[in-house]
C-alpha cells in the first residue's frame, strides 16, 4: 500500500470520527442545536449528491481513462 493511500485513509477516518463527535454534540444540545443539525444534514446531503453524481457520470470516466494530460 502506497504512503499516499495510507494518508488518505487516515484523513478520511479522522474526518468521519470528527463528524460523529460533532453530531453527538449537536444532538446532546438538541433544543439549541437544531439549526446546526439542519446545516449538518444539508452539508451531508450535498456531499452525498456530489459523490453519487461523480460515480454515475460516464463522461468523466471516459476522460479519466482515455484522455492523457
PDB file of N, CA and C in Angstrom:
ATOM      1  N   UNK A   1       0.859  -1.174   0.000  1.00  0.00           N
ATOM      2  CA  UNK A   1       0.000   0.000   0.000  1.00  0.00           C
ATOM      3  C   UNK A   1       0.904   1.235   0.000  1.00  0.00           C
ATOM      4  N   UNK A   2       0.605   2.139  -0.893  1.00  0.00           N
ATOM      5  CA  UNK A   2       1.401   3.345  -1.008  1.00  0.00           C
ATOM      6  C   UNK A   2       1.130   4.280   0.171  1.00  0.00           C
ATOM      7  N   UNK A   3       2.111   5.115   0.429  1.00  0.00           N
ATOM      8  CA  UNK A   3       2.008   6.030   1.559  1.00  0.00           C
ATOM      9  C   UNK A   3       0.883   7.046   1.362  1.00  0.00           C
ATOM     10  N   UNK A   4       0.647   7.469   0.128  1.00  0.00           N
ATOM     11  CA  UNK A   4      -0.424   8.438  -0.119  1.00  0.00           C
ATOM     12  C   UNK A   4      -1.801   7.840   0.139  1.00  0.00           C
ATOM     13  N   UNK A   5      -1.982   6.555  -0.173  1.00  0.00           N
ATOM     14  CA  UNK A   5      -3.263   5.901   0.102  1.00  0.00           C
ATOM     15  C   UNK A   5      -3.472   5.734   1.595  1.00  0.00           C
ATOM     16  N   UNK A   6      -2.407   5.409   2.308  1.00  0.00           N
ATOM     17  CA  UNK A   6      -2.497   5.287   3.764  1.00  0.00           C
ATOM     18  C   UNK A   6      -2.851   6.630   4.404  1.00  0.00           C
ATOM     19  N   UNK A   7      -2.234   7.692   3.930  1.00  0.00           N
ATOM     20  CA  UNK A   7      -2.536   9.021   4.448  1.00  0.00           C
ATOM     21  C   UNK A   7      -3.987   9.402   4.160  1.00  0.00           C
ATOM     22  N   UNK A   8      -4.475   9.075   2.965  1.00  0.00           N
ATOM     23  CA  UNK A   8      -5.863   9.380   2.620  1.00  0.00           C
ATOM     24  C   UNK A   8      -6.833   8.602   3.513  1.00  0.00           C
ATOM     25  N   UNK A   9      -6.524   7.348   3.778  1.00  0.00           N
ATOM     26  CA  UNK A   9      -7.371   6.541   4.666  1.00  0.00           C
ATOM     27  C   UNK A   9      -7.401   7.141   6.060  1.00  0.00           C
ATOM     28  N   UNK A  10      -6.255   7.577   6.560  1.00  0.00           N
ATOM     29  CA  UNK A  10      -6.209   8.192   7.888  1.00  0.00           C
ATOM     30  C   UNK A  10      -6.985   9.504   7.942  1.00  0.00           C
ATOM     31  N   UNK A  11      -6.885  10.309   6.903  1.00  0.00           N
ATOM     32  CA  UNK A  11      -7.619  11.578   6.866  1.00  0.00           C
ATOM     33  C   UNK A  11      -9.121  11.333   6.822  1.00  0.00           C
ATOM     34  N   UNK A  12      -9.552  10.376   6.012  1.00  0.00           N
ATOM     35  CA  UNK A  12     -10.983  10.061   5.911  1.00  0.00           C
ATOM     36  C   UNK A  12     -11.502   9.499   7.232  1.00  0.00           C
ATOM     37  N   UNK A  13     -10.724   8.637   7.880  1.00  0.00           N
ATOM     38  CA  UNK A  13     -11.131   8.080   9.168  1.00  0.00           C
ATOM     39  C   UNK A  13     -11.222   9.182  10.222  1.00  0.00           C
ATOM     40  N   UNK A  14     -10.256  10.086  10.238  1.00  0.00           N
ATOM     41  CA  UNK A  14     -10.297  11.197  11.196  1.00  0.00           C
ATOM     42  C   UNK A  14     -11.508  12.090  10.935  1.00  0.00           C
ATOM     43  N   UNK A  15     -11.804  12.366   9.663  1.00  0.00           N
ATOM     44  CA  UNK A  15     -12.951  13.212   9.331  1.00  0.00           C
ATOM     45  C   UNK A  15     -14.257  12.539   9.737  1.00  0.00           C
ATOM     46  N   UNK A  16     -14.353  11.231   9.556  1.00  0.00           N
ATOM     47  CA  UNK A  16     -15.569  10.509   9.941  1.00  0.00           C
ATOM     48  C   UNK A  16     -15.759  10.541  11.454  1.00  0.00           C
ATOM     49  N   UNK A  17     -14.694  10.317  12.193  1.00  0.00           N
ATOM     50  CA  UNK A  17     -14.779  10.370  13.669  1.00  0.00           C
ATOM     51  C   UNK A  17     -15.139  11.776  14.116  1.00  0.00           C
ATOM     52  N   UNK A  18     -14.548  12.784  13.490  1.00  0.00           N
ATOM     53  CA  UNK A  18     -14.837  14.168  13.854  1.00  0.00           C
ATOM     54  C   UNK A  18     -16.307  14.513  13.585  1.00  0.00           C
ATOM     55  N   UNK A  19     -16.840  14.038  12.452  1.00  0.00           N
ATOM     56  CA  UNK A  19     -18.252  14.278  12.148  1.00  0.00           C
ATOM     57  C   UNK A  19     -19.167  13.579  13.149  1.00  0.00           C
ATOM     58  N   UNK A  20     -18.821  12.378  13.552  1.00  0.00           N
ATOM     59  CA  UNK A  20     -19.628  11.675  14.558  1.00  0.00           C
ATOM     60  C   UNK A  20     -19.607  12.394  15.895  1.00  0.00           C
ATOM     61  N   UNK A  21     -18.447  12.905  16.293  1.00  0.00           N
ATOM     62  CA  UNK A  21     -18.356  13.660  17.544  1.00  0.00           C
ATOM     63  C   UNK A  21     -19.177  14.945  17.457  1.00  0.00           C
ATOM     64  N   UNK A  22     -19.086  15.636  16.314  1.00  0.00           N
ATOM     65  CA  UNK A  22     -19.895  16.854  16.133  1.00  0.00           C
ATOM     66  C   UNK A  22     -21.381  16.539  16.188  1.00  0.00           C
ATOM     67  N   UNK A  23     -21.791  15.468  15.521  1.00  0.00           N
ATOM     68  CA  UNK A  23     -23.195  15.087  15.506  1.00  0.00           C
ATOM     69  C   UNK A  23     -23.674  14.719  16.906  1.00  0.00           C
ATOM     70  N   UNK A  24     -22.854  14.031  17.663  1.00  0.00           N
ATOM     71  CA  UNK A  24     -23.207  13.685  19.040  1.00  0.00           C
ATOM     72  C   UNK A  24     -23.382  14.937  19.894  1.00  0.00           C
ATOM     73  N   UNK A  25     -22.485  15.902  19.727  1.00  0.00           N
ATOM     74  CA  UNK A  25     -22.610  17.160  20.468  1.00  0.00           C
ATOM     75  C   UNK A  25     -23.837  17.951  20.067  1.00  0.00           C
ATOM     76  N   UNK A  26     -24.161  17.942  18.798  1.00  0.00           N
ATOM     77  CA  UNK A  26     -25.349  18.656  18.324  1.00  0.00           C
ATOM     78  C   UNK A  26     -26.605  18.015  18.900  1.00  0.00           C
ATOM     79  N   UNK A  27     -26.649  16.699  18.904  1.00  0.00           N
ATOM     80  CA  UNK A  27     -27.823  16.001  19.425  1.00  0.00           C
ATOM     81  C   UNK A  27     -27.935  16.195  20.937  1.00  0.00           C
ATOM     82  N   UNK A  28     -26.815  16.284  21.632  1.00  0.00           N
ATOM     83  CA  UNK A  28     -26.845  16.462  23.084  1.00  0.00           C
ATOM     84  C   UNK A  28     -27.440  17.815  23.467  1.00  0.00           C
ATOM     85  N   UNK A  29     -27.292  18.816  22.627  1.00  0.00           N
ATOM     86  CA  UNK A  29     -27.841  20.145  22.900  1.00  0.00           C
ATOM     87  C   UNK A  29     -29.034  20.427  22.006  1.00  0.00           C
ATOM     88  N   UNK A  30     -29.904  19.434  21.847  1.00  0.00           N
ATOM     89  CA  UNK A  30     -30.906  19.480  20.785  1.00  0.00           C
ATOM     90  C   UNK A  30     -31.840  20.679  20.760  1.00  0.00           C
ATOM     91  N   UNK A  31     -32.384  21.178  21.799  1.00  0.00           N
ATOM     92  CA  UNK A  31     -33.254  22.332  21.536  1.00  0.00           C
ATOM     93  C   UNK A  31     -32.481  23.509  20.941  1.00  0.00           C
ATOM     94  N   UNK A  32     -31.238  23.668  21.349  1.00  0.00           N
ATOM     95  CA  UNK A  32     -30.436  24.789  20.852  1.00  0.00           C
ATOM     96  C   UNK A  32     -29.573  24.383  19.658  1.00  0.00           C
ATOM     97  N   UNK A  33     -29.377  23.113  19.458  1.00  0.00           N
ATOM     98  CA  UNK A  33     -28.549  22.640  18.370  1.00  0.00           C
ATOM     99  C   UNK A  33     -29.315  22.314  17.105  1.00  0.00           C
ATOM    100  N   UNK A  34     -30.604  22.618  17.080  1.00  0.00           N
ATOM    101  CA  UNK A  34     -31.415  22.302  15.905  1.00  0.00           C
ATOM    102  C   UNK A  34     -30.941  23.015  14.633  1.00  0.00           C
ATOM    103  N   UNK A  35     -30.602  24.310  14.669  1.00  0.00           N
ATOM    104  CA  UNK A  35     -30.081  24.935  13.433  1.00  0.00           C
ATOM    105  C   UNK A  35     -28.780  24.283  12.957  1.00  0.00           C
ATOM    106  N   UNK A  36     -27.916  23.933  13.880  1.00  0.00           N
ATOM    107  CA  UNK A  36     -26.672  23.267  13.499  1.00  0.00           C
ATOM    108  C   UNK A  36     -26.950  21.884  12.921  1.00  0.00           C
ATOM    109  N   UNK A  37     -27.947  21.199  13.452  1.00  0.00           N
ATOM    110  CA  UNK A  37     -28.308  19.882  12.937  1.00  0.00           C
ATOM    111  C   UNK A  37     -28.831  19.987  11.510  1.00  0.00           C
ATOM    112  N   UNK A  38     -29.629  21.002  11.237  1.00  0.00           N
ATOM    113  CA  UNK A  38     -30.148  21.211   9.881  1.00  0.00           C
ATOM    114  C   UNK A  38     -29.001  21.491   8.913  1.00  0.00           C
ATOM    115  N   UNK A  39     -28.074  22.352   9.309  1.00  0.00           N
ATOM    116  CA  UNK A  39     -26.920  22.659   8.463  1.00  0.00           C
ATOM    117  C   UNK A  39     -26.076  21.408   8.244  1.00  0.00           C
ATOM    118  N   UNK A  40     -25.854  20.643   9.299  1.00  0.00           N
ATOM    119  CA  UNK A  40     -25.071  19.412   9.217  1.00  0.00           C
ATOM    120  C   UNK A  40     -25.714  18.426   8.247  1.00  0.00           C
ATOM    121  N   UNK A  41     -27.026  18.274   8.323  1.00  0.00           N
ATOM    122  CA  UNK A  41     -27.728  17.359   7.425  1.00  0.00           C
ATOM    123  C   UNK A  41     -27.705  17.853   5.976  1.00  0.00           C
ATOM    124  N   UNK A  42     -27.814  19.156   5.759  1.00  0.00           N
ATOM    125  CA  UNK A  42     -27.752  19.702   4.403  1.00  0.00           C
ATOM    126  C   UNK A  42     -26.370  19.494   3.778  1.00  0.00           C
ATOM    127  N   UNK A  43     -25.327  19.729   4.547  1.00  0.00           N
ATOM    128  CA  UNK A  43     -23.967  19.508   4.052  1.00  0.00           C
ATOM    129  C   UNK A  43     -23.764  18.033   3.727  1.00  0.00           C
ATOM    130  N   UNK A  44     -24.258  17.148   4.576  1.00  0.00           N
ATOM    131  CA  UNK A  44     -24.170  15.715   4.310  1.00  0.00           C
ATOM    132  C   UNK A  44     -24.925  15.323   3.057  1.00  0.00           C
ATOM    133  N   UNK A  45     -26.088  15.901   2.846  1.00  0.00           N
ATOM    134  CA  UNK A  45     -26.879  15.610   1.649  1.00  0.00           C
ATOM    135  C   UNK A  45     -26.146  16.071   0.385  1.00  0.00           C
ATOM    136  N   UNK A  46     -25.589  17.294   0.420  1.00  0.00           N
ATOM    137  CA  UNK A  46     -24.856  17.794  -0.743  1.00  0.00           C
ATOM    138  C   UNK A  46     -23.618  16.951  -1.027  1.00  0.00           C
ATOM    139  N   UNK A  47     -22.923  16.530   0.017  1.00  0.00           N
ATOM    140  CA  UNK A  47     -21.759  15.665  -0.146  1.00  0.00           C
ATOM    141  C   UNK A  47     -22.167  14.342  -0.786  1.00  0.00           C
ATOM    142  N   UNK A  48     -23.278  13.782  -0.331  1.00  0.00           N
ATOM    143  CA  UNK A  48     -23.799  12.540  -0.908  1.00  0.00           C
ATOM    144  C   UNK A  48     -24.126  12.718  -2.384  1.00  0.00           C
ATOM    145  N   UNK A  49     -24.776  13.835  -2.742  1.00  0.00           N
ATOM    146  CA  UNK A  49     -25.149  14.078  -4.130  1.00  0.00           C
ATOM    147  C   UNK A  49     -23.926  14.238  -5.032  1.00  0.00           C
ATOM    148  N   UNK A  50     -22.882  14.910  -4.539  1.00  0.00           N
ATOM    149  CA  UNK A  50     -21.670  15.098  -5.328  1.00  0.00           C
ATOM    150  C   UNK A  50     -20.997  13.754  -5.586  1.00  0.00           C
ATOM    151  N   UNK A  51     -20.875  12.929  -4.562  1.00  0.00           N
ATOM    152  CA  UNK A  51     -20.259  11.613  -4.717  1.00  0.00           C
ATOM    153  C   UNK A  51     -21.096  10.740  -5.662  1.00  0.00           C
ATOM    154  N   UNK A  52     -22.410  10.763  -5.504  1.00  0.00           N
ATOM    155  CA  UNK A  52     -23.289   9.974  -6.365  1.00  0.00           C
ATOM    156  C   UNK A  52     -23.182  10.436  -7.820  1.00  0.00           C
ATOM    157  N   UNK A  53     -23.126  11.736  -8.046  1.00  0.00           N
ATOM    158  CA  UNK A  53     -23.017  12.263  -9.402  1.00  0.00           C
ATOM    159  C   UNK A  53     -21.688  11.858 -10.034  1.00  0.00           C
ATOM    160  N   UNK A  54     -20.631  11.913  -9.272  1.00  0.00           N
ATOM    161  CA  UNK A  54     -19.312  11.551  -9.810  1.00  0.00           C
ATOM    162  C   UNK A  54     -19.238  10.060 -10.140  1.00  0.00           C
ATOM    163  N   UNK A  55     -19.798   9.228  -9.307  1.00  0.00           N
ATOM    164  CA  UNK A  55     -19.726   7.796  -9.548  1.00  0.00           C
ATOM    165  C   UNK A  55     -20.603   7.346 -10.712  1.00  0.00           C
ATOM    166  N   UNK A  56     -21.643   8.098 -11.022  1.00  0.00           N
ATOM    167  CA  UNK A  56     -22.545   7.682 -12.097  1.00  0.00           C
ATOM    168  C   UNK A  56     -22.325   8.449 -13.400  1.00  0.00           C
ATOM    169  N   UNK A  57     -21.277   9.267 -13.491  1.00  0.00           N
ATOM    170  CA  UNK A  57     -21.043  10.078 -14.677  1.00  0.00           C
ATOM    171  C   UNK A  57     -20.112   9.338 -15.633  1.00  0.00           C
ATOM    172  N   UNK A  58     -20.645   8.860 -16.742  1.00  0.00           N
ATOM    173  CA  UNK A  58     -19.860   8.093 -17.701  1.00  0.00           C
ATOM    174  C   UNK A  58     -18.897   8.980 -18.486  1.00  0.00           C
ATOM    175  N   UNK A  59     -19.250  10.237 -18.696  1.00  0.00           N
ATOM    176  CA  UNK A  59     -18.365  11.138 -19.443  1.00  0.00           C
ATOM    177  C   UNK A  59     -17.069  11.391 -18.675  1.00  0.00           C
ATOM    178  N   UNK A  60     -17.159  11.604 -17.377  1.00  0.00           N
ATOM    179  CA  UNK A  60     -15.955  11.789 -16.573  1.00  0.00           C
ATOM    180  C   UNK A  60     -15.091  10.539 -16.577  1.00  0.00           C
ATOM    181  N   UNK A  61     -15.714   9.371 -16.521  1.00  0.00           N
ATOM    182  CA  UNK A  61     -14.964   8.121 -16.568  1.00  0.00           C
ATOM    183  C   UNK A  61     -14.210   7.984 -17.890  1.00  0.00           C
ATOM    184  N   UNK A  62     -14.863   8.358 -18.985  1.00  0.00           N
ATOM    185  CA  UNK A  62     -14.227   8.272 -20.299  1.00  0.00           C
ATOM    186  C   UNK A  62     -12.970   9.148 -20.340  1.00  0.00           C
ATOM    187  N   UNK A  63     -13.091  10.403 -19.883  1.00  0.00           N
ATOM    188  CA  UNK A  63     -11.953  11.308 -19.921  1.00  0.00           C
ATOM    189  C   UNK A  63     -10.851  10.871 -18.959  1.00  0.00           C
ATOM    190  N   UNK A  64     -11.216  10.311 -17.822  1.00  0.00           N
ATOM    191  CA  UNK A  64     -10.206   9.817 -16.887  1.00  0.00           C
ATOM    192  C   UNK A  64      -9.406   8.662 -17.479  1.00  0.00           C
ATOM    193  N   UNK A  65     -10.062   7.809 -18.240  1.00  0.00           N
ATOM    194  CA  UNK A  65      -9.405   6.614 -18.761  1.00  0.00           C
ATOM    195  C   UNK A  65      -8.726   6.820 -20.113  1.00  0.00           C
ATOM    196  N   UNK A  66      -9.248   7.682 -20.976  1.00  0.00           N
ATOM    197  CA  UNK A  66      -8.791   7.745 -22.351  1.00  0.00           C
ATOM    198  C   UNK A  66      -8.031   9.003 -22.739  1.00  0.00           C
ATOM    199  N   UNK A  67      -8.174  10.074 -22.019  1.00  0.00           N
ATOM    200  CA  UNK A  67      -7.528  11.329 -22.395  1.00  0.00           C
ATOM    201  C   UNK A  67      -6.276  11.488 -21.537  1.00  0.00           C
ATOM    202  N   UNK A  68      -5.126  11.630 -22.202  1.00  0.00           N
ATOM    203  CA  UNK A  68      -3.863  11.813 -21.485  1.00  0.00           C
ATOM    204  C   UNK A  68      -3.624  13.294 -21.266  1.00  0.00           C
ATOM    205  N   UNK A  69      -3.099  13.643 -20.128  1.00  0.00           N
ATOM    206  CA  UNK A  69      -2.834  15.058 -19.850  1.00  0.00           C
ATOM    207  C   UNK A  69      -1.370  15.367 -20.005  1.00  0.00           C
TER     208      UNK A  69
END
